[in-house]
PDB file of all heavy atoms in Angstrom:
ATOM      1  N   ALA A   1      -8.533   5.535  15.435  1.00  0.00           N
ATOM      2  CA  ALA A   1      -7.266   6.256  15.262  1.00  0.00           C
ATOM      3  C   ALA A   1      -6.437   5.550  14.199  1.00  0.00           C
ATOM      4  O   ALA A   1      -6.513   4.323  14.040  1.00  0.00           O
ATOM      5  CB  ALA A   1      -6.496   6.325  16.568  1.00  0.00           C
ATOM      6  N   ALA A   2      -5.618   6.309  13.495  1.00  0.00           N
ATOM      7  CA  ALA A   2      -4.748   5.722  12.481  1.00  0.00           C
ATOM      8  C   ALA A   2      -3.598   4.956  13.113  1.00  0.00           C
ATOM      9  O   ALA A   2      -3.101   3.971  12.543  1.00  0.00           O
ATOM     10  CB  ALA A   2      -4.203   6.823  11.569  1.00  0.00           C
ATOM     11  N   LYS A   3      -3.162   5.390  14.293  1.00  0.00           N
ATOM     12  CA  LYS A   3      -2.019   4.774  14.955  1.00  0.00           C
ATOM     13  C   LYS A   3      -2.355   4.470  16.412  1.00  0.00           C
ATOM     14  O   LYS A   3      -3.089   5.206  17.066  1.00  0.00           O
ATOM     15  CB  LYS A   3      -0.801   5.710  14.924  1.00  0.00           C
ATOM     16  CG  LYS A   3      -0.322   6.091  13.530  1.00  0.00           C
ATOM     17  CD  LYS A   3       0.311   4.899  12.820  1.00  0.00           C
ATOM     18  CE  LYS A   3       0.859   5.297  11.453  1.00  0.00           C
ATOM     19  NZ  LYS A   3       1.423   4.123  10.733  1.00  0.00           N
ATOM     20  N   GLY A   4      -1.803   3.359  16.915  1.00  0.00           N
ATOM     21  CA  GLY A   4      -1.821   3.091  18.338  1.00  0.00           C
ATOM     22  C   GLY A   4      -3.038   2.374  18.876  1.00  0.00           C
ATOM     23  O   GLY A   4      -3.113   2.143  20.083  1.00  0.00           O
ATOM     24  N   GLN A   5      -3.970   2.004  18.007  1.00  0.00           N
ATOM     25  CA  GLN A   5      -5.138   1.253  18.467  1.00  0.00           C
ATOM     26  C   GLN A   5      -5.286   0.006  17.587  1.00  0.00           C
ATOM     27  O   GLN A   5      -4.286  -0.629  17.264  1.00  0.00           O
ATOM     28  CB  GLN A   5      -6.380   2.145  18.474  1.00  0.00           C
ATOM     29  CG  GLN A   5      -6.314   3.249  19.520  1.00  0.00           C
ATOM     30  CD  GLN A   5      -7.448   4.256  19.461  1.00  0.00           C
ATOM     31  OE1 GLN A   5      -7.303   5.397  19.898  1.00  0.00           O
ATOM     32  NE2 GLN A   5      -8.578   3.875  18.896  1.00  0.00           N
ATOM     33  N   ASP A   6      -6.504  -0.348  17.229  1.00  0.00           N
ATOM     34  CA  ASP A   6      -6.708  -1.603  16.513  1.00  0.00           C
ATOM     35  C   ASP A   6      -6.207  -1.573  15.072  1.00  0.00           C
ATOM     36  O   ASP A   6      -5.761  -2.585  14.540  1.00  0.00           O
ATOM     37  CB  ASP A   6      -8.190  -1.979  16.534  1.00  0.00           C
ATOM     38  CG  ASP A   6      -9.066  -0.958  15.808  1.00  0.00           C
ATOM     39  OD1 ASP A   6      -9.055   0.216  16.221  1.00  0.00           O
ATOM     40  OD2 ASP A   6      -9.756  -1.332  14.841  1.00  0.00           O
ATOM     41  N   LEU A   7      -6.250  -0.407  14.421  1.00  0.00           N
ATOM     42  CA  LEU A   7      -6.023  -0.354  12.980  1.00  0.00           C
ATOM     43  C   LEU A   7      -4.629  -0.809  12.582  1.00  0.00           C
ATOM     44  O   LEU A   7      -4.463  -1.552  11.608  1.00  0.00           O
ATOM     45  CB  LEU A   7      -6.278   1.071  12.464  1.00  0.00           C
ATOM     46  CG  LEU A   7      -6.365   1.206  10.944  1.00  0.00           C
ATOM     47  CD1 LEU A   7      -7.572   0.450  10.407  1.00  0.00           C
ATOM     48  CD2 LEU A   7      -6.443   2.677  10.539  1.00  0.00           C
ATOM     49  N   ASP A   8      -3.601  -0.392  13.306  1.00  0.00           N
ATOM     50  CA  ASP A   8      -2.225  -0.751  12.944  1.00  0.00           C
ATOM     51  C   ASP A   8      -1.625  -1.740  13.935  1.00  0.00           C
ATOM     52  O   ASP A   8      -0.406  -1.882  14.015  1.00  0.00           O
ATOM     53  CB  ASP A   8      -1.354   0.507  12.876  1.00  0.00           C
ATOM     54  CG  ASP A   8      -1.165   1.171  14.241  1.00  0.00           C
ATOM     55  OD1 ASP A   8      -2.026   0.969  15.124  1.00  0.00           O
ATOM     56  OD2 ASP A   8      -0.183   1.903  14.424  1.00  0.00           O
ATOM     57  N   PHE A   9      -2.457  -2.448  14.667  1.00  0.00           N
ATOM     58  CA  PHE A   9      -1.969  -3.293  15.753  1.00  0.00           C
ATOM     59  C   PHE A   9      -1.325  -4.579  15.261  1.00  0.00           C
ATOM     60  O   PHE A   9      -0.296  -5.004  15.780  1.00  0.00           O
ATOM     61  CB  PHE A   9      -3.128  -3.625  16.693  1.00  0.00           C
ATOM     62  CG  PHE A   9      -2.774  -4.538  17.830  1.00  0.00           C
ATOM     63  CD1 PHE A   9      -1.972  -4.100  18.874  1.00  0.00           C
ATOM     64  CD2 PHE A   9      -3.241  -5.853  17.855  1.00  0.00           C
ATOM     65  CE1 PHE A   9      -1.639  -4.944  19.925  1.00  0.00           C
ATOM     66  CE2 PHE A   9      -2.920  -6.703  18.904  1.00  0.00           C
ATOM     67  CZ  PHE A   9      -2.123  -6.247  19.943  1.00  0.00           C
ATOM     68  N   ASP A  10      -1.925  -5.217  14.268  1.00  0.00           N
ATOM     69  CA  ASP A  10      -1.552  -6.572  13.896  1.00  0.00           C
ATOM     70  C   ASP A  10      -0.807  -6.585  12.568  1.00  0.00           C
ATOM     71  O   ASP A  10      -1.414  -6.397  11.509  1.00  0.00           O
ATOM     72  CB  ASP A  10      -2.820  -7.432  13.796  1.00  0.00           C
ATOM     73  CG  ASP A  10      -2.516  -8.915  13.768  1.00  0.00           C
ATOM     74  OD1 ASP A  10      -1.387  -9.281  13.389  1.00  0.00           O
ATOM     75  OD2 ASP A  10      -3.407  -9.711  14.118  1.00  0.00           O
ATOM     76  N   PRO A  11       0.509  -6.817  12.571  1.00  0.00           N
ATOM     77  CA  PRO A  11       1.273  -6.812  11.312  1.00  0.00           C
ATOM     78  C   PRO A  11       0.889  -7.949  10.373  1.00  0.00           C
ATOM     79  O   PRO A  11       1.189  -7.889   9.177  1.00  0.00           O
ATOM     80  CB  PRO A  11       2.729  -6.951  11.779  1.00  0.00           C
ATOM     81  CG  PRO A  11       2.641  -7.575  13.136  1.00  0.00           C
ATOM     82  CD  PRO A  11       1.370  -7.081  13.743  1.00  0.00           C
ATOM     83  N   GLU A  12       0.210  -8.959  10.895  1.00  0.00           N
ATOM     84  CA  GLU A  12      -0.223 -10.065  10.044  1.00  0.00           C
ATOM     85  C   GLU A  12      -1.343  -9.640   9.089  1.00  0.00           C
ATOM     86  O   GLU A  12      -1.530 -10.244   8.030  1.00  0.00           O
ATOM     87  CB  GLU A  12      -0.695 -11.236  10.912  1.00  0.00           C
ATOM     88  CG  GLU A  12      -0.958 -12.504  10.139  1.00  0.00           C
ATOM     89  CD  GLU A  12      -1.225 -13.691  11.042  1.00  0.00           C
ATOM     90  OE1 GLU A  12      -0.833 -13.647  12.231  1.00  0.00           O
ATOM     91  OE2 GLU A  12      -1.836 -14.659  10.563  1.00  0.00           O
ATOM     92  N   PHE A  13      -2.062  -8.606   9.474  1.00  0.00           N
ATOM     93  CA  PHE A  13      -3.170  -8.128   8.653  1.00  0.00           C
ATOM     94  C   PHE A  13      -3.025  -6.614   8.452  1.00  0.00           C
ATOM     95  O   PHE A  13      -3.797  -5.824   9.005  1.00  0.00           O
ATOM     96  CB  PHE A  13      -4.513  -8.456   9.309  1.00  0.00           C
ATOM     97  CG  PHE A  13      -4.679  -9.924   9.589  1.00  0.00           C
ATOM     98  CD1 PHE A  13      -4.476 -10.429  10.870  1.00  0.00           C
ATOM     99  CD2 PHE A  13      -5.015 -10.798   8.565  1.00  0.00           C
ATOM    100  CE1 PHE A  13      -4.616 -11.778  11.129  1.00  0.00           C
ATOM    101  CE2 PHE A  13      -5.151 -12.151   8.815  1.00  0.00           C
ATOM    102  CZ  PHE A  13      -4.949 -12.651  10.099  1.00  0.00           C
ATOM    103  N   PRO A  14      -2.033  -6.196   7.669  1.00  0.00           N
ATOM    104  CA  PRO A  14      -1.806  -4.761   7.483  1.00  0.00           C
ATOM    105  C   PRO A  14      -2.914  -4.133   6.643  1.00  0.00           C
ATOM    106  O   PRO A  14      -3.565  -4.795   5.825  1.00  0.00           O
ATOM    107  CB  PRO A  14      -0.466  -4.713   6.744  1.00  0.00           C
ATOM    108  CG  PRO A  14      -0.413  -6.022   6.002  1.00  0.00           C
ATOM    109  CD  PRO A  14      -1.086  -7.022   6.907  1.00  0.00           C
ATOM    110  N   ILE A  15      -3.124  -2.848   6.842  1.00  0.00           N
ATOM    111  CA  ILE A  15      -4.095  -2.097   6.062  1.00  0.00           C
ATOM    112  C   ILE A  15      -3.463  -1.736   4.719  1.00  0.00           C
ATOM    113  O   ILE A  15      -2.446  -1.043   4.663  1.00  0.00           O
ATOM    114  CB  ILE A  15      -4.541  -0.828   6.811  1.00  0.00           C
ATOM    115  CG1 ILE A  15      -5.191  -1.208   8.134  1.00  0.00           C
ATOM    116  CG2 ILE A  15      -5.487  -0.009   5.957  1.00  0.00           C
ATOM    117  CD1 ILE A  15      -6.414  -2.101   8.002  1.00  0.00           C
ATOM    118  N   THR A  16      -4.052  -2.219   3.647  1.00  0.00           N
ATOM    119  CA  THR A  16      -3.496  -1.967   2.319  1.00  0.00           C
ATOM    120  C   THR A  16      -4.276  -0.914   1.543  1.00  0.00           C
ATOM    121  O   THR A  16      -3.775  -0.380   0.560  1.00  0.00           O
ATOM    122  CB  THR A  16      -3.471  -3.270   1.506  1.00  0.00           C
ATOM    123  OG1 THR A  16      -4.806  -3.817   1.433  1.00  0.00           O
ATOM    124  CG2 THR A  16      -2.552  -4.303   2.161  1.00  0.00           C
ATOM    125  N   ASN A  17      -5.476  -0.633   1.991  1.00  0.00           N
ATOM    126  CA  ASN A  17      -6.291   0.384   1.318  1.00  0.00           C
ATOM    127  C   ASN A  17      -6.198   1.682   2.112  1.00  0.00           C
ATOM    128  O   ASN A  17      -6.699   1.762   3.246  1.00  0.00           O
ATOM    129  CB  ASN A  17      -7.742  -0.087   1.225  1.00  0.00           C
ATOM    130  CG  ASN A  17      -8.640   0.905   0.506  1.00  0.00           C
ATOM    131  OD1 ASN A  17      -8.224   2.018   0.186  1.00  0.00           O
ATOM    132  ND2 ASN A  17      -9.880   0.512   0.264  1.00  0.00           N
ATOM    133  N   PRO A  18      -5.591   2.737   1.549  1.00  0.00           N
ATOM    134  CA  PRO A  18      -5.423   3.978   2.325  1.00  0.00           C
ATOM    135  C   PRO A  18      -6.755   4.645   2.670  1.00  0.00           C
ATOM    136  O   PRO A  18      -6.790   5.480   3.573  1.00  0.00           O
ATOM    137  CB  PRO A  18      -4.586   4.860   1.393  1.00  0.00           C
ATOM    138  CG  PRO A  18      -4.833   4.321   0.016  1.00  0.00           C
ATOM    139  CD  PRO A  18      -5.018   2.842   0.197  1.00  0.00           C
ATOM    140  N   GLU A  19      -7.807   4.262   1.976  1.00  0.00           N
ATOM    141  CA  GLU A  19      -9.097   4.882   2.271  1.00  0.00           C
ATOM    142  C   GLU A  19      -9.729   4.348   3.555  1.00  0.00           C
ATOM    143  O   GLU A  19     -10.705   4.913   4.042  1.00  0.00           O
ATOM    144  CB  GLU A  19     -10.068   4.696   1.106  1.00  0.00           C
ATOM    145  CG  GLU A  19      -9.741   5.568  -0.102  1.00  0.00           C
ATOM    146  CD  GLU A  19     -10.917   5.698  -1.050  1.00  0.00           C
ATOM    147  OE1 GLU A  19     -12.044   5.329  -0.668  1.00  0.00           O
ATOM    148  OE2 GLU A  19     -10.713   6.175  -2.185  1.00  0.00           O
ATOM    149  N   ILE A  20      -9.189   3.243   4.091  1.00  0.00           N
ATOM    150  CA  ILE A  20      -9.759   2.690   5.327  1.00  0.00           C
ATOM    151  C   ILE A  20      -9.764   3.742   6.425  1.00  0.00           C
ATOM    152  O   ILE A  20     -10.776   3.971   7.097  1.00  0.00           O
ATOM    153  CB  ILE A  20      -8.976   1.441   5.786  1.00  0.00           C
ATOM    154  CG1 ILE A  20      -9.198   0.283   4.805  1.00  0.00           C
ATOM    155  CG2 ILE A  20      -9.401   1.035   7.187  1.00  0.00           C
ATOM    156  CD1 ILE A  20     -10.595  -0.278   4.802  1.00  0.00           C
ATOM    157  N   ILE A  21      -8.636   4.394   6.641  1.00  0.00           N
ATOM    158  CA  ILE A  21      -8.579   5.393   7.712  1.00  0.00           C
ATOM    159  C   ILE A  21      -9.475   6.583   7.374  1.00  0.00           C
ATOM    160  O   ILE A  21     -10.057   7.214   8.260  1.00  0.00           O
ATOM    161  CB  ILE A  21      -7.125   5.841   7.996  1.00  0.00           C
ATOM    162  CG1 ILE A  21      -7.083   6.787   9.210  1.00  0.00           C
ATOM    163  CG2 ILE A  21      -6.508   6.509   6.778  1.00  0.00           C
ATOM    164  CD1 ILE A  21      -7.677   6.227  10.479  1.00  0.00           C
ATOM    165  N   TRP A  22      -9.627   6.896   6.098  1.00  0.00           N
ATOM    166  CA  TRP A  22     -10.528   7.994   5.735  1.00  0.00           C
ATOM    167  C   TRP A  22     -11.966   7.642   6.129  1.00  0.00           C
ATOM    168  O   TRP A  22     -12.709   8.494   6.609  1.00  0.00           O
ATOM    169  CB  TRP A  22     -10.447   8.276   4.236  1.00  0.00           C
ATOM    170  CG  TRP A  22      -9.084   8.682   3.767  1.00  0.00           C
ATOM    171  CD1 TRP A  22      -8.006   9.012   4.547  1.00  0.00           C
ATOM    172  CD2 TRP A  22      -8.646   8.786   2.417  1.00  0.00           C
ATOM    173  NE1 TRP A  22      -6.932   9.316   3.769  1.00  0.00           N
ATOM    174  CE2 TRP A  22      -7.282   9.196   2.453  1.00  0.00           C
ATOM    175  CE3 TRP A  22      -9.252   8.580   1.186  1.00  0.00           C
ATOM    176  CZ2 TRP A  22      -6.533   9.390   1.303  1.00  0.00           C
ATOM    177  CZ3 TRP A  22      -8.512   8.784   0.030  1.00  0.00           C
ATOM    178  CH2 TRP A  22      -7.174   9.183   0.078  1.00  0.00           C
ATOM    179  N   ARG A  23     -12.339   6.385   5.919  1.00  0.00           N
ATOM    180  CA  ARG A  23     -13.685   5.960   6.310  1.00  0.00           C
ATOM    181  C   ARG A  23     -13.856   6.062   7.821  1.00  0.00           C
ATOM    182  O   ARG A  23     -14.904   6.480   8.318  1.00  0.00           O
ATOM    183  CB  ARG A  23     -13.944   4.528   5.857  1.00  0.00           C
ATOM    184  CG  ARG A  23     -13.985   4.337   4.349  1.00  0.00           C
ATOM    185  CD  ARG A  23     -14.114   2.867   4.025  1.00  0.00           C
ATOM    186  NE  ARG A  23     -13.688   2.583   2.668  1.00  0.00           N
ATOM    187  CZ  ARG A  23     -13.419   1.365   2.207  1.00  0.00           C
ATOM    188  NH1 ARG A  23     -13.533   0.325   3.017  1.00  0.00           N
ATOM    189  NH2 ARG A  23     -13.042   1.196   0.962  1.00  0.00           N
ATOM    190  N   LEU A  24     -12.802   5.676   8.537  1.00  0.00           N
ATOM    191  CA  LEU A  24     -12.898   5.733   9.995  1.00  0.00           C
ATOM    192  C   LEU A  24     -12.938   7.180  10.480  1.00  0.00           C
ATOM    193  O   LEU A  24     -13.609   7.495  11.465  1.00  0.00           O
ATOM    194  CB  LEU A  24     -11.734   4.971  10.618  1.00  0.00           C
ATOM    195  CG  LEU A  24     -11.705   3.472  10.300  1.00  0.00           C
ATOM    196  CD1 LEU A  24     -10.526   2.802  10.980  1.00  0.00           C
ATOM    197  CD2 LEU A  24     -13.012   2.801  10.706  1.00  0.00           C
ATOM    198  N   ARG A  25     -12.237   8.060   9.800  1.00  0.00           N
ATOM    199  CA  ARG A  25     -12.326   9.479  10.173  1.00  0.00           C
ATOM    200  C   ARG A  25     -13.734  10.000   9.918  1.00  0.00           C
ATOM    201  O   ARG A  25     -14.233  10.845  10.663  1.00  0.00           O
ATOM    202  CB  ARG A  25     -11.291  10.288   9.405  1.00  0.00           C
ATOM    203  CG  ARG A  25      -9.854   9.991   9.811  1.00  0.00           C
ATOM    204  CD  ARG A  25      -8.889  11.070   9.336  1.00  0.00           C
ATOM    205  NE  ARG A  25      -7.510  10.667   9.557  1.00  0.00           N
ATOM    206  CZ  ARG A  25      -6.880  10.697  10.746  1.00  0.00           C
ATOM    207  NH1 ARG A  25      -7.543  11.082  11.828  1.00  0.00           N
ATOM    208  NH2 ARG A  25      -5.613  10.323  10.843  1.00  0.00           N
ATOM    209  N   ALA A  26     -14.375   9.508   8.874  1.00  0.00           N
ATOM    210  CA  ALA A  26     -15.763   9.893   8.621  1.00  0.00           C
ATOM    211  C   ALA A  26     -16.669   9.390   9.753  1.00  0.00           C
ATOM    212  O   ALA A  26     -17.581  10.096  10.200  1.00  0.00           O
ATOM    213  CB  ALA A  26     -16.229   9.345   7.276  1.00  0.00           C
TER     214      ALA A  26
END
């Protein structure tokens, strides 16, 4: 999921590549 699980959990390691969630949706 884009929100509420592991992907956006840790502010110390933010997702900077917007394609990450696209890969996970795939």
